[in-house]
Every structure is written in structure tokens, then in C-alpha cells.
PDB file of all heavy atoms in Angstrom:
ATOM      1  N   VAL A   1     151.190-213.742  35.834  1.00  0.00           N
ATOM      2  CA  VAL A   1     150.414-212.664  35.240  1.00  0.00           C
ATOM      3  C   VAL A   1     151.176-212.147  34.035  1.00  0.00           C
ATOM      4  O   VAL A   1     152.397-212.313  33.944  1.00  0.00           O
ATOM      5  CB  VAL A   1     150.175-211.543  36.277  1.00  0.00           C
ATOM      6  CG1 VAL A   1     151.475-210.913  36.731  1.00  0.00           C
ATOM      7  CG2 VAL A   1     149.218-210.493  35.755  1.00  0.00           C
ATOM      8  N   HIS A   2     150.479-211.538  33.094  1.00  0.00           N
ATOM      9  CA  HIS A   2     151.171-211.113  31.883  1.00  0.00           C
ATOM     10  C   HIS A   2     152.200-210.022  32.136  1.00  0.00           C
ATOM     11  O   HIS A   2     153.389-210.191  31.842  1.00  0.00           O
ATOM     12  CB  HIS A   2     150.195-210.632  30.811  1.00  0.00           C
ATOM     13  CG  HIS A   2     150.907-210.101  29.600  1.00  0.00           C
ATOM     14  ND1 HIS A   2     151.684-210.908  28.793  1.00  0.00           N
ATOM     15  CD2 HIS A   2     151.012-208.850  29.088  1.00  0.00           C
ATOM     16  CE1 HIS A   2     152.225-210.179  27.834  1.00  0.00           C
ATOM     17  NE2 HIS A   2     151.836-208.925  28.000  1.00  0.00           N
ATOM     18  N   ALA A   3     151.766-208.877  32.673  1.00  0.00           N
ATOM     19  CA  ALA A   3     152.667-207.725  32.783  1.00  0.00           C
ATOM     20  C   ALA A   3     153.235-207.540  34.174  1.00  0.00           C
ATOM     21  O   ALA A   3     154.412-207.194  34.332  1.00  0.00           O
ATOM     22  CB  ALA A   3     151.934-206.447  32.356  1.00  0.00           C
ATOM     23  N   GLY A   4     152.421-207.742  35.203  1.00  0.00           N
ATOM     24  CA  GLY A   4     152.859-207.515  36.565  1.00  0.00           C
ATOM     25  C   GLY A   4     151.697-207.049  37.418  1.00  0.00           C
ATOM     26  O   GLY A   4     150.533-207.134  37.015  1.00  0.00           O
ATOM     27  N   ILE A   5     152.017-206.553  38.604  1.00  0.00           N
ATOM     28  CA  ILE A   5     150.987-206.062  39.512  1.00  0.00           C
ATOM     29  C   ILE A   5     151.400-204.683  40.028  1.00  0.00           C
ATOM     30  O   ILE A   5     152.575-204.326  39.989  1.00  0.00           O
ATOM     31  CB  ILE A   5     150.766-207.010  40.704  1.00  0.00           C
ATOM     32  CG1 ILE A   5     152.025-207.110  41.574  1.00  0.00           C
ATOM     33  CG2 ILE A   5     150.338-208.393  40.220  1.00  0.00           C
ATOM     34  CD1 ILE A   5     151.825-207.888  42.863  1.00  0.00           C
ATOM     35  N   ARG A   6     150.414-203.941  40.500  1.00  0.00           N
ATOM     36  CA  ARG A   6     150.726-202.658  41.130  1.00  0.00           C
ATOM     37  C   ARG A   6     151.099-202.927  42.583  1.00  0.00           C
ATOM     38  O   ARG A   6     150.297-203.472  43.347  1.00  0.00           O
ATOM     39  CB  ARG A   6     149.543-201.695  41.032  1.00  0.00           C
ATOM     40  CG  ARG A   6     149.870-200.282  41.553  1.00  0.00           C
ATOM     41  CD  ARG A   6     148.880-199.264  41.081  1.00  0.00           C
ATOM     42  NE  ARG A   6     148.930-199.093  39.625  1.00  0.00           N
ATOM     43  CZ  ARG A   6     149.818-198.335  38.988  1.00  0.00           C
ATOM     44  NH1 ARG A   6     150.743-197.679  39.689  1.00  0.00           N
ATOM     45  NH2 ARG A   6     149.782-198.243  37.670  1.00  0.00           N
ATOM     46  N   PRO A   7     152.319-202.559  42.975  1.00  0.00           N
ATOM     47  CA  PRO A   7     152.770-202.854  44.345  1.00  0.00           C
ATOM     48  C   PRO A   7     151.836-202.271  45.394  1.00  0.00           C
ATOM     49  O   PRO A   7     151.267-201.191  45.236  1.00  0.00           O
ATOM     50  CB  PRO A   7     154.150-202.180  44.402  1.00  0.00           C
ATOM     51  CG  PRO A   7     154.619-202.146  42.982  1.00  0.00           C
ATOM     52  CD  PRO A   7     153.372-201.917  42.169  1.00  0.00           C
ATOM     53  N   GLY A   8     151.677-203.037  46.482  1.00  0.00           N
ATOM     54  CA  GLY A   8     150.889-202.579  47.609  1.00  0.00           C
ATOM     55  C   GLY A   8     149.408-202.854  47.513  1.00  0.00           C
ATOM     56  O   GLY A   8     148.663-202.534  48.450  1.00  0.00           O
ATOM     57  N   ILE A   9     148.953-203.443  46.409  1.00  0.00           N
ATOM     58  CA  ILE A   9     147.533-203.722  46.223  1.00  0.00           C
ATOM     59  C   ILE A   9     147.329-205.240  46.167  1.00  0.00           C
ATOM     60  O   ILE A   9     148.025-205.925  45.409  1.00  0.00           O
ATOM     61  CB  ILE A   9     147.005-203.074  44.931  1.00  0.00           C
ATOM     62  CG1 ILE A   9     147.152-201.544  45.024  1.00  0.00           C
ATOM     63  CG2 ILE A   9     145.551-203.456  44.668  1.00  0.00           C
ATOM     64  CD1 ILE A   9     146.720-200.811  43.780  1.00  0.00           C
ATOM     65  N   PRO A  10     146.403-205.791  46.955  1.00  0.00           N
ATOM     66  CA  PRO A  10     146.152-207.236  46.917  1.00  0.00           C
ATOM     67  C   PRO A  10     145.819-207.701  45.502  1.00  0.00           C
ATOM     68  O   PRO A  10     145.217-206.959  44.716  1.00  0.00           O
ATOM     69  CB  PRO A  10     144.956-207.410  47.861  1.00  0.00           C
ATOM     70  CG  PRO A  10     145.022-206.235  48.779  1.00  0.00           C
ATOM     71  CD  PRO A  10     145.545-205.103  47.949  1.00  0.00           C
ATOM     72  N   ILE A  11     146.171-208.914  45.204  1.00  0.00           N
ATOM     73  CA  ILE A  11     146.003-209.421  43.841  1.00  0.00           C
ATOM     74  C   ILE A  11     144.542-209.373  43.399  1.00  0.00           C
ATOM     75  O   ILE A  11     144.235-208.999  42.260  1.00  0.00           O
ATOM     76  CB  ILE A  11     146.565-210.852  43.739  1.00  0.00           C
ATOM     77  CG1 ILE A  11     148.090-210.806  43.876  1.00  0.00           C
ATOM     78  CG2 ILE A  11     146.178-211.505  42.406  1.00  0.00           C
ATOM     79  CD1 ILE A  11     148.751-212.146  43.965  1.00  0.00           C
ATOM     80  N   LYS A  12     143.633-209.706  44.291  1.00  0.00           N
ATOM     81  CA  LYS A  12     142.220-209.697  43.901  1.00  0.00           C
ATOM     82  C   LYS A  12     141.704-208.298  43.589  1.00  0.00           C
ATOM     83  O   LYS A  12     140.651-208.155  42.961  1.00  0.00           O
ATOM     84  CB  LYS A  12     141.364-210.335  44.998  1.00  0.00           C
ATOM     85  CG  LYS A  12     141.452-211.852  45.044  1.00  0.00           C
ATOM     86  CD  LYS A  12     140.444-212.397  46.040  1.00  0.00           C
ATOM     87  CE  LYS A  12     140.429-213.924  46.012  1.00  0.00           C
ATOM     88  NZ  LYS A  12     139.424-214.489  46.960  1.00  0.00           N
ATOM     89  N   ARG A  13     142.415-207.274  44.024  1.00  0.00           N
ATOM     90  CA  ARG A  13     141.966-205.900  43.803  1.00  0.00           C
ATOM     91  C   ARG A  13     142.759-205.200  42.696  1.00  0.00           C
ATOM     92  O   ARG A  13     142.610-204.005  42.477  1.00  0.00           O
ATOM     93  CB  ARG A  13     142.081-205.103  45.105  1.00  0.00           C
ATOM     94  CG  ARG A  13     141.116-205.565  46.186  1.00  0.00           C
ATOM     95  CD  ARG A  13     141.372-204.835  47.494  1.00  0.00           C
ATOM     96  NE  ARG A  13     141.352-203.376  47.305  1.00  0.00           N
ATOM     97  CZ  ARG A  13     141.852-202.522  48.187  1.00  0.00           C
ATOM     98  NH1 ARG A  13     142.424-202.975  49.299  1.00  0.00           N
ATOM     99  NH2 ARG A  13     141.796-201.226  47.958  1.00  0.00           N
ATOM    100  N   GLN A  14     143.613-205.935  42.002  1.00  0.00           N
ATOM    101  CA  GLN A  14     144.401-205.349  40.915  1.00  0.00           C
ATOM    102  C   GLN A  14     143.496-204.925  39.760  1.00  0.00           C
ATOM    103  O   GLN A  14     142.516-205.597  39.427  1.00  0.00           O
ATOM    104  CB  GLN A  14     145.432-206.362  40.406  1.00  0.00           C
ATOM    105  CG  GLN A  14     146.529-206.691  41.395  1.00  0.00           C
ATOM    106  CD  GLN A  14     147.564-205.591  41.524  1.00  0.00           C
ATOM    107  OE1 GLN A  14     147.869-204.884  40.562  1.00  0.00           O
ATOM    108  NE2 GLN A  14     148.115-205.443  42.719  1.00  0.00           N
ATOM    109  N   ARG A  15     143.849-203.820  39.127  1.00  0.00           N
ATOM    110  CA  ARG A  15     143.125-203.359  37.938  1.00  0.00           C
ATOM    111  C   ARG A  15     143.565-204.171  36.722  1.00  0.00           C
ATOM    112  O   ARG A  15     144.739-204.498  36.563  1.00  0.00           O
ATOM    113  CB  ARG A  15     143.392-201.877  37.684  1.00  0.00           C
ATOM    114  CG  ARG A  15     142.885-200.954  38.771  1.00  0.00           C
ATOM    115  CD  ARG A  15     143.324-199.520  38.545  1.00  0.00           C
ATOM    116  NE  ARG A  15     142.811-198.980  37.283  1.00  0.00           N
ATOM    117  CZ  ARG A  15     143.559-198.650  36.241  1.00  0.00           C
ATOM    118  NH1 ARG A  15     144.874-198.830  36.282  1.00  0.00           N
ATOM    119  NH2 ARG A  15     143.016-198.145  35.159  1.00  0.00           N
ATOM    120  N   LYS A  16     142.633-204.472  35.852  1.00  0.00           N
ATOM    121  CA  LYS A  16     142.941-205.233  34.652  1.00  0.00           C
ATOM    122  C   LYS A  16     144.015-204.551  33.825  1.00  0.00           C
ATOM    123  O   LYS A  16     144.935-205.206  33.314  1.00  0.00           O
ATOM    124  CB  LYS A  16     141.672-205.418  33.813  1.00  0.00           C
ATOM    125  CG  LYS A  16     141.865-206.246  32.559  1.00  0.00           C
ATOM    126  CD  LYS A  16     140.542-206.426  31.820  1.00  0.00           C
ATOM    127  CE  LYS A  16     140.710-207.284  30.579  1.00  0.00           C
ATOM    128  NZ  LYS A  16     139.433-207.483  29.850  1.00  0.00           N
ATOM    129  N   ASP A  17     143.935-203.230  33.674  1.00  0.00           N
ATOM    130  CA  ASP A  17     144.928-202.511  32.878  1.00  0.00           C
ATOM    131  C   ASP A  17     146.334-202.701  33.429  1.00  0.00           C
ATOM    132  O   ASP A  17     147.299-202.820  32.662  1.00  0.00           O
ATOM    133  CB  ASP A  17     144.599-201.014  32.826  1.00  0.00           C
ATOM    134  CG  ASP A  17     143.506-200.693  31.825  1.00  0.00           C
ATOM    135  OD1 ASP A  17     143.079-201.612  31.088  1.00  0.00           O
ATOM    136  OD2 ASP A  17     143.072-199.532  31.778  1.00  0.00           O
ATOM    137  N   ASP A  18     146.475-202.732  34.751  1.00  0.00           N
ATOM    138  CA  ASP A  18     147.800-202.950  35.332  1.00  0.00           C
ATOM    139  C   ASP A  18     148.290-204.368  35.073  1.00  0.00           C
ATOM    140  O   ASP A  18     149.457-204.586  34.730  1.00  0.00           O
ATOM    141  CB  ASP A  18     147.777-202.672  36.838  1.00  0.00           C
ATOM    142  CG  ASP A  18     147.748-201.188  37.160  1.00  0.00           C
ATOM    143  OD1 ASP A  18     148.228-200.394  36.328  1.00  0.00           O
ATOM    144  OD2 ASP A  18     147.236-200.822  38.232  1.00  0.00           O
ATOM    145  N   LEU A  19     147.423-205.344  35.243  1.00  0.00           N
ATOM    146  CA  LEU A  19     147.821-206.734  35.016  1.00  0.00           C
ATOM    147  C   LEU A  19     148.301-206.964  33.587  1.00  0.00           C
ATOM    148  O   LEU A  19     149.149-207.821  33.337  1.00  0.00           O
ATOM    149  CB  LEU A  19     146.644-207.666  35.324  1.00  0.00           C
ATOM    150  CG  LEU A  19     146.155-207.675  36.775  1.00  0.00           C
ATOM    151  CD1 LEU A  19     144.890-208.523  36.897  1.00  0.00           C
ATOM    152  CD2 LEU A  19     147.229-208.196  37.714  1.00  0.00           C
ATOM    153  N   LEU A  20     147.767-206.181  32.647  1.00  0.00           N
ATOM    154  CA  LEU A  20     148.097-206.363  31.232  1.00  0.00           C
ATOM    155  C   LEU A  20     149.168-205.412  30.720  1.00  0.00           C
ATOM    156  O   LEU A  20     149.857-205.734  29.741  1.00  0.00           O
ATOM    157  CB  LEU A  20     146.832-206.181  30.376  1.00  0.00           C
ATOM    158  CG  LEU A  20     145.686-207.156  30.612  1.00  0.00           C
ATOM    159  CD1 LEU A  20     144.530-206.839  29.672  1.00  0.00           C
ATOM    160  CD2 LEU A  20     146.143-208.589  30.425  1.00  0.00           C
ATOM    161  N   TRP A  21     149.339-204.238  31.363  1.00  0.00           N
ATOM    162  CA  TRP A  21     150.162-203.190  30.762  1.00  0.00           C
ATOM    163  C   TRP A  21     151.268-202.624  31.649  1.00  0.00           C
ATOM    164  O   TRP A  21     152.179-201.966  31.137  1.00  0.00           O
ATOM    165  CB  TRP A  21     149.264-202.014  30.339  1.00  0.00           C
ATOM    166  CG  TRP A  21     148.336-202.310  29.222  1.00  0.00           C
ATOM    167  CD1 TRP A  21     147.053-202.773  29.315  1.00  0.00           C
ATOM    168  CD2 TRP A  21     148.589-202.165  27.816  1.00  0.00           C
ATOM    169  NE1 TRP A  21     146.498-202.921  28.071  1.00  0.00           N
ATOM    170  CE2 TRP A  21     147.417-202.552  27.131  1.00  0.00           C
ATOM    171  CE3 TRP A  21     149.699-201.727  27.066  1.00  0.00           C
ATOM    172  CZ2 TRP A  21     147.320-202.530  25.743  1.00  0.00           C
ATOM    173  CZ3 TRP A  21     149.595-201.698  25.683  1.00  0.00           C
ATOM    174  CH2 TRP A  21     148.426-202.102  25.040  1.00  0.00           C
ATOM    175  N   ILE A  22     151.213-202.829  32.949  1.00  0.00           N
ATOM    176  CA  ILE A  22     152.134-202.129  33.844  1.00  0.00           C
ATOM    177  C   ILE A  22     153.593-202.457  33.520  1.00  0.00           C
ATOM    178  O   ILE A  22     153.913-203.568  33.093  1.00  0.00           O
ATOM    179  CB  ILE A  22     151.831-202.475  35.325  1.00  0.00           C
ATOM    180  CG1 ILE A  22     152.471-201.462  36.258  1.00  0.00           C
ATOM    181  CG2 ILE A  22     152.265-203.903  35.670  1.00  0.00           C
ATOM    182  CD1 ILE A  22     151.995-201.554  37.697  1.00  0.00           C
ATOM    183  N   ARG A  23     154.457-201.470  33.704  1.00  0.00           N
ATOM    184  CA  ARG A  23     155.902-201.695  33.519  1.00  0.00           C
ATOM    185  C   ARG A  23     156.680-201.095  34.693  1.00  0.00           C
ATOM    186  O   ARG A  23     156.973-201.765  35.655  1.00  0.00           O
ATOM    187  CB  ARG A  23     156.383-201.098  32.196  1.00  0.00           C
ATOM    188  CG  ARG A  23     155.889-201.824  30.951  1.00  0.00           C
ATOM    189  CD  ARG A  23     156.688-201.388  29.721  1.00  0.00           C
ATOM    190  NE  ARG A  23     156.049-201.767  28.485  1.00  0.00           N
ATOM    191  CZ  ARG A  23     156.181-202.953  27.895  1.00  0.00           C
ATOM    192  NH1 ARG A  23     156.938-203.864  28.448  1.00  0.00           N
ATOM    193  NH2 ARG A  23     155.562-203.205  26.753  1.00  0.00           N
ATOM    194  N   GLY A  24     157.041-199.816  34.588  1.00  0.00           N
ATOM    195  CA  GLY A  24     158.007-199.218  35.493  1.00  0.00           C
ATOM    196  C   GLY A  24     157.699-199.357  36.966  1.00  0.00           C
ATOM    197  O   GLY A  24     158.568-199.734  37.765  1.00  0.00           O
ATOM    198  N   GLU A  25     156.463-199.039  37.369  1.00  0.00           N
ATOM    199  CA  GLU A  25     156.134-199.091  38.790  1.00  0.00           C
ATOM    200  C   GLU A  25     156.330-200.491  39.364  1.00  0.00           C
ATOM    201  O   GLU A  25     156.717-200.656  40.526  1.00  0.00           O
ATOM    202  CB  GLU A  25     154.683-198.647  39.026  1.00  0.00           C
ATOM    203  CG  GLU A  25     154.379-197.232  38.568  1.00  0.00           C
ATOM    204  CD  GLU A  25     153.798-197.188  37.171  1.00  0.00           C
ATOM    205  OE1 GLU A  25     154.198-198.021  36.325  1.00  0.00           O
ATOM    206  OE2 GLU A  25     152.932-196.321  36.936  1.00  0.00           O
ATOM    207  N   PHE A  26     156.073-201.488  38.551  1.00  0.00           N
ATOM    208  CA  PHE A  26     156.254-202.877  38.980  1.00  0.00           C
ATOM    209  C   PHE A  26     157.701-203.322  38.820  1.00  0.00           C
ATOM    210  O   PHE A  26     158.301-203.864  39.760  1.00  0.00           O
ATOM    211  CB  PHE A  26     155.327-203.782  38.170  1.00  0.00           C
ATOM    212  CG  PHE A  26     155.626-205.251  38.295  1.00  0.00           C
ATOM    213  CD1 PHE A  26     155.426-205.914  39.489  1.00  0.00           C
ATOM    214  CD2 PHE A  26     156.110-205.971  37.204  1.00  0.00           C
ATOM    215  CE1 PHE A  26     155.706-207.275  39.608  1.00  0.00           C
ATOM    216  CE2 PHE A  26     156.386-207.326  37.319  1.00  0.00           C
ATOM    217  CZ  PHE A  26     156.184-207.974  38.520  1.00  0.00           C
ATOM    218  N   ILE A  27     158.276-203.091  37.658  1.00  0.00           N
ATOM    219  CA  ILE A  27     159.634-203.556  37.370  1.00  0.00           C
ATOM    220  C   ILE A  27     160.641-202.973  38.352  1.00  0.00           C
ATOM    221  O   ILE A  27     161.580-203.641  38.786  1.00  0.00           O
ATOM    222  CB  ILE A  27     160.032-203.191  35.921  1.00  0.00           C
ATOM    223  CG1 ILE A  27     159.126-203.904  34.915  1.00  0.00           C
ATOM    224  CG2 ILE A  27     161.496-203.540  35.656  1.00  0.00           C
ATOM    225  CD1 ILE A  27     159.203-205.408  34.964  1.00  0.00           C
ATOM    226  N   ASN A  28     160.463-201.708  38.704  1.00  0.00           N
ATOM    227  CA  ASN A  28     161.434-201.024  39.569  1.00  0.00           C
ATOM    228  C   ASN A  28     161.156-201.184  41.057  1.00  0.00           C
ATOM    229  O   ASN A  28     161.938-200.700  41.888  1.00  0.00           O
ATOM    230  CB  ASN A  28     161.465-199.532  39.226  1.00  0.00           C
ATOM    231  CG  ASN A  28     161.908-199.282  37.790  1.00  0.00           C
ATOM    232  OD1 ASN A  28     162.759-199.993  37.269  1.00  0.00           O
ATOM    233  ND2 ASN A  28     161.324-198.276  37.151  1.00  0.00           N
ATOM    234  N   SER A  29     160.075-201.852  41.407  1.00  0.00           N
ATOM    235  CA  SER A  29     159.703-201.980  42.812  1.00  0.00           C
ATOM    236  C   SER A  29     160.607-202.967  43.539  1.00  0.00           C
ATOM    237  O   SER A  29     160.919-204.040  43.024  1.00  0.00           O
ATOM    238  CB  SER A  29     158.244-202.442  42.934  1.00  0.00           C
ATOM    239  OG  SER A  29     157.911-202.684  44.285  1.00  0.00           O
TER     240      SER A  29
END
């Protein structure tokens, strides 16, 4: 994925904005 995923959420339910833009919540998890 480009940017990452929001922890705790199944991949199929990830928000597009998170897949493209997420940083800290994913990087630090």
C-alpha cells in the first residue's frame, strides 16, 4: 500500500484517505 493502514481495521474496510496519507498512527504502531 502507498502510505499504510489504520491499525485495528481490516484491510477491506480501510479508508482511502488512510491508505494514501496516513503517517504517525501507522508508523508508530
